[in-house]
């Protein structure tokens, strides 16, 4: 489970288009983990890029 973490509001923004079905699944997943989509996406990217061993 991902931990709730403050996300900086002064950083760069990205936009991602999702189909309706995928977006609904994402909303359910983040709600179950008491996260926003923003927090979840930030943590997934952070884990993928910063915490992986090379």
N, C-alpha and C. Protein backbone atom coordinates (compact mmCIF):
# COMPACT_ATOMS: atom_id res chain seq x y z
N UNK A 1 0.84 -1.18 0.00
CA UNK A 1 0.00 0.00 0.00
C UNK A 1 0.88 1.24 0.00
N UNK A 2 0.51 2.22 -0.77
CA UNK A 2 1.26 3.45 -0.82
C UNK A 2 0.93 4.32 0.37
N UNK A 3 1.90 5.07 0.83
CA UNK A 3 1.69 5.96 1.96
C UNK A 3 1.26 7.34 1.47
N UNK A 4 0.37 7.98 2.22
CA UNK A 4 -0.06 9.33 1.87
C UNK A 4 1.14 10.26 2.07
N UNK A 5 1.39 11.09 1.09
CA UNK A 5 2.57 11.94 1.12
C UNK A 5 2.21 13.29 0.52
N UNK A 6 2.70 14.32 1.12
CA UNK A 6 2.45 15.65 0.58
C UNK A 6 3.12 15.80 -0.78
N UNK A 7 2.38 16.33 -1.73
CA UNK A 7 2.89 16.53 -3.08
C UNK A 7 3.12 18.01 -3.28
N UNK A 8 4.29 18.35 -3.75
CA UNK A 8 4.62 19.77 -3.97
C UNK A 8 3.72 20.37 -5.03
N UNK A 9 3.23 21.55 -4.78
CA UNK A 9 2.33 22.23 -5.71
C UNK A 9 3.07 23.17 -6.65
N UNK A 10 4.37 23.37 -6.43
CA UNK A 10 5.11 24.32 -7.26
C UNK A 10 5.96 23.63 -8.33
N UNK A 11 5.72 22.35 -8.55
CA UNK A 11 6.50 21.61 -9.53
C UNK A 11 5.90 21.66 -10.91
N UNK A 12 6.48 20.91 -11.81
CA UNK A 12 6.00 20.82 -13.19
C UNK A 12 4.73 19.98 -13.25
N UNK A 13 3.93 20.20 -14.27
CA UNK A 13 2.69 19.45 -14.44
C UNK A 13 2.78 18.56 -15.67
N UNK A 14 2.08 17.43 -15.60
CA UNK A 14 1.91 16.56 -16.76
C UNK A 14 0.41 16.30 -16.91
N UNK A 15 0.01 15.97 -18.11
CA UNK A 15 -1.39 15.63 -18.38
C UNK A 15 -1.41 14.24 -19.01
N UNK A 16 -2.34 13.42 -18.54
CA UNK A 16 -2.46 12.06 -19.06
C UNK A 16 -3.92 11.82 -19.41
N UNK A 17 -4.16 11.32 -20.60
CA UNK A 17 -5.54 10.99 -21.01
C UNK A 17 -5.78 9.51 -20.74
N UNK A 18 -6.89 9.22 -20.05
CA UNK A 18 -7.29 7.86 -19.75
C UNK A 18 -8.69 7.64 -20.28
N UNK A 19 -8.96 6.42 -20.72
CA UNK A 19 -10.35 6.16 -21.10
C UNK A 19 -11.19 6.09 -19.81
N UNK A 20 -12.48 6.19 -19.98
CA UNK A 20 -13.39 6.28 -18.84
C UNK A 20 -13.29 5.08 -17.90
N UNK A 21 -13.18 3.90 -18.45
CA UNK A 21 -13.11 2.67 -17.65
C UNK A 21 -11.84 2.63 -16.79
N UNK A 22 -10.72 2.98 -17.40
CA UNK A 22 -9.45 2.99 -16.68
C UNK A 22 -9.46 4.06 -15.59
N UNK A 23 -10.00 5.23 -15.90
CA UNK A 23 -10.08 6.31 -14.92
C UNK A 23 -10.92 5.90 -13.72
N UNK A 24 -12.02 5.23 -13.96
CA UNK A 24 -12.88 4.78 -12.86
C UNK A 24 -12.15 3.78 -11.96
N UNK A 25 -11.42 2.84 -12.57
CA UNK A 25 -10.64 1.88 -11.80
C UNK A 25 -9.57 2.58 -10.96
N UNK A 26 -8.94 3.59 -11.54
CA UNK A 26 -7.93 4.35 -10.82
C UNK A 26 -8.54 5.09 -9.64
N UNK A 27 -9.68 5.73 -9.84
CA UNK A 27 -10.36 6.45 -8.75
C UNK A 27 -10.70 5.52 -7.60
N UNK A 28 -11.15 4.32 -7.91
CA UNK A 28 -11.48 3.34 -6.87
C UNK A 28 -10.23 2.92 -6.12
N UNK A 29 -9.16 2.66 -6.85
CA UNK A 29 -7.90 2.23 -6.23
C UNK A 29 -7.36 3.28 -5.27
N UNK A 30 -7.32 4.53 -5.72
CA UNK A 30 -6.75 5.57 -4.86
C UNK A 30 -7.66 5.85 -3.66
N UNK A 31 -8.97 5.76 -3.86
CA UNK A 31 -9.90 5.98 -2.75
C UNK A 31 -9.70 4.91 -1.67
N UNK A 32 -9.49 3.66 -2.08
CA UNK A 32 -9.26 2.59 -1.11
C UNK A 32 -7.99 2.82 -0.30
N UNK A 33 -7.04 3.54 -0.88
CA UNK A 33 -5.77 3.82 -0.20
C UNK A 33 -5.73 5.22 0.41
N UNK A 34 -6.89 5.89 0.43
CA UNK A 34 -7.01 7.24 1.00
C UNK A 34 -6.01 8.21 0.38
N UNK A 35 -5.89 8.15 -0.93
CA UNK A 35 -4.99 9.02 -1.68
C UNK A 35 -5.78 9.76 -2.76
N UNK A 36 -5.19 10.83 -3.26
CA UNK A 36 -5.71 11.47 -4.46
C UNK A 36 -5.00 10.85 -5.65
N UNK A 37 -5.55 11.05 -6.83
CA UNK A 37 -4.87 10.57 -8.04
C UNK A 37 -3.50 11.23 -8.14
N UNK A 38 -3.42 12.51 -7.84
CA UNK A 38 -2.15 13.24 -7.88
C UNK A 38 -1.12 12.59 -6.97
N UNK A 39 -1.51 12.29 -5.73
CA UNK A 39 -0.57 11.67 -4.79
C UNK A 39 -0.13 10.30 -5.28
N UNK A 40 -1.07 9.51 -5.80
CA UNK A 40 -0.76 8.17 -6.27
C UNK A 40 0.20 8.21 -7.45
N UNK A 41 -0.10 9.06 -8.44
CA UNK A 41 0.77 9.16 -9.63
C UNK A 41 2.16 9.63 -9.22
N UNK A 42 2.24 10.61 -8.36
CA UNK A 42 3.54 11.11 -7.90
C UNK A 42 4.35 9.99 -7.25
N UNK A 43 3.70 9.21 -6.39
CA UNK A 43 4.41 8.14 -5.70
C UNK A 43 4.82 7.01 -6.64
N UNK A 44 3.99 6.69 -7.61
CA UNK A 44 4.35 5.66 -8.58
C UNK A 44 5.57 6.10 -9.39
N UNK A 45 5.56 7.33 -9.85
CA UNK A 45 6.69 7.85 -10.62
C UNK A 45 7.94 7.91 -9.75
N UNK A 46 7.80 8.41 -8.54
CA UNK A 46 8.93 8.50 -7.62
C UNK A 46 9.51 7.11 -7.34
N UNK A 47 8.67 6.14 -7.07
CA UNK A 47 9.15 4.78 -6.82
C UNK A 47 9.84 4.19 -8.03
N UNK A 48 9.30 4.42 -9.19
CA UNK A 48 9.86 3.87 -10.42
C UNK A 48 11.22 4.50 -10.76
N UNK A 49 11.33 5.81 -10.60
CA UNK A 49 12.54 6.51 -11.05
C UNK A 49 13.59 6.69 -9.98
N UNK A 50 13.19 6.85 -8.73
CA UNK A 50 14.16 7.18 -7.70
C UNK A 50 14.54 6.02 -6.80
N UNK A 51 13.66 5.06 -6.65
CA UNK A 51 13.91 4.00 -5.68
C UNK A 51 14.35 2.68 -6.28
N UNK A 52 14.36 2.60 -7.60
CA UNK A 52 14.79 1.35 -8.24
C UNK A 52 16.31 1.29 -8.31
N UNK A 53 16.80 0.08 -8.09
CA UNK A 53 18.25 -0.13 -8.26
C UNK A 53 18.55 -0.23 -9.74
N UNK A 54 19.67 0.33 -10.16
CA UNK A 54 20.06 0.31 -11.58
C UNK A 54 20.63 -1.01 -11.99
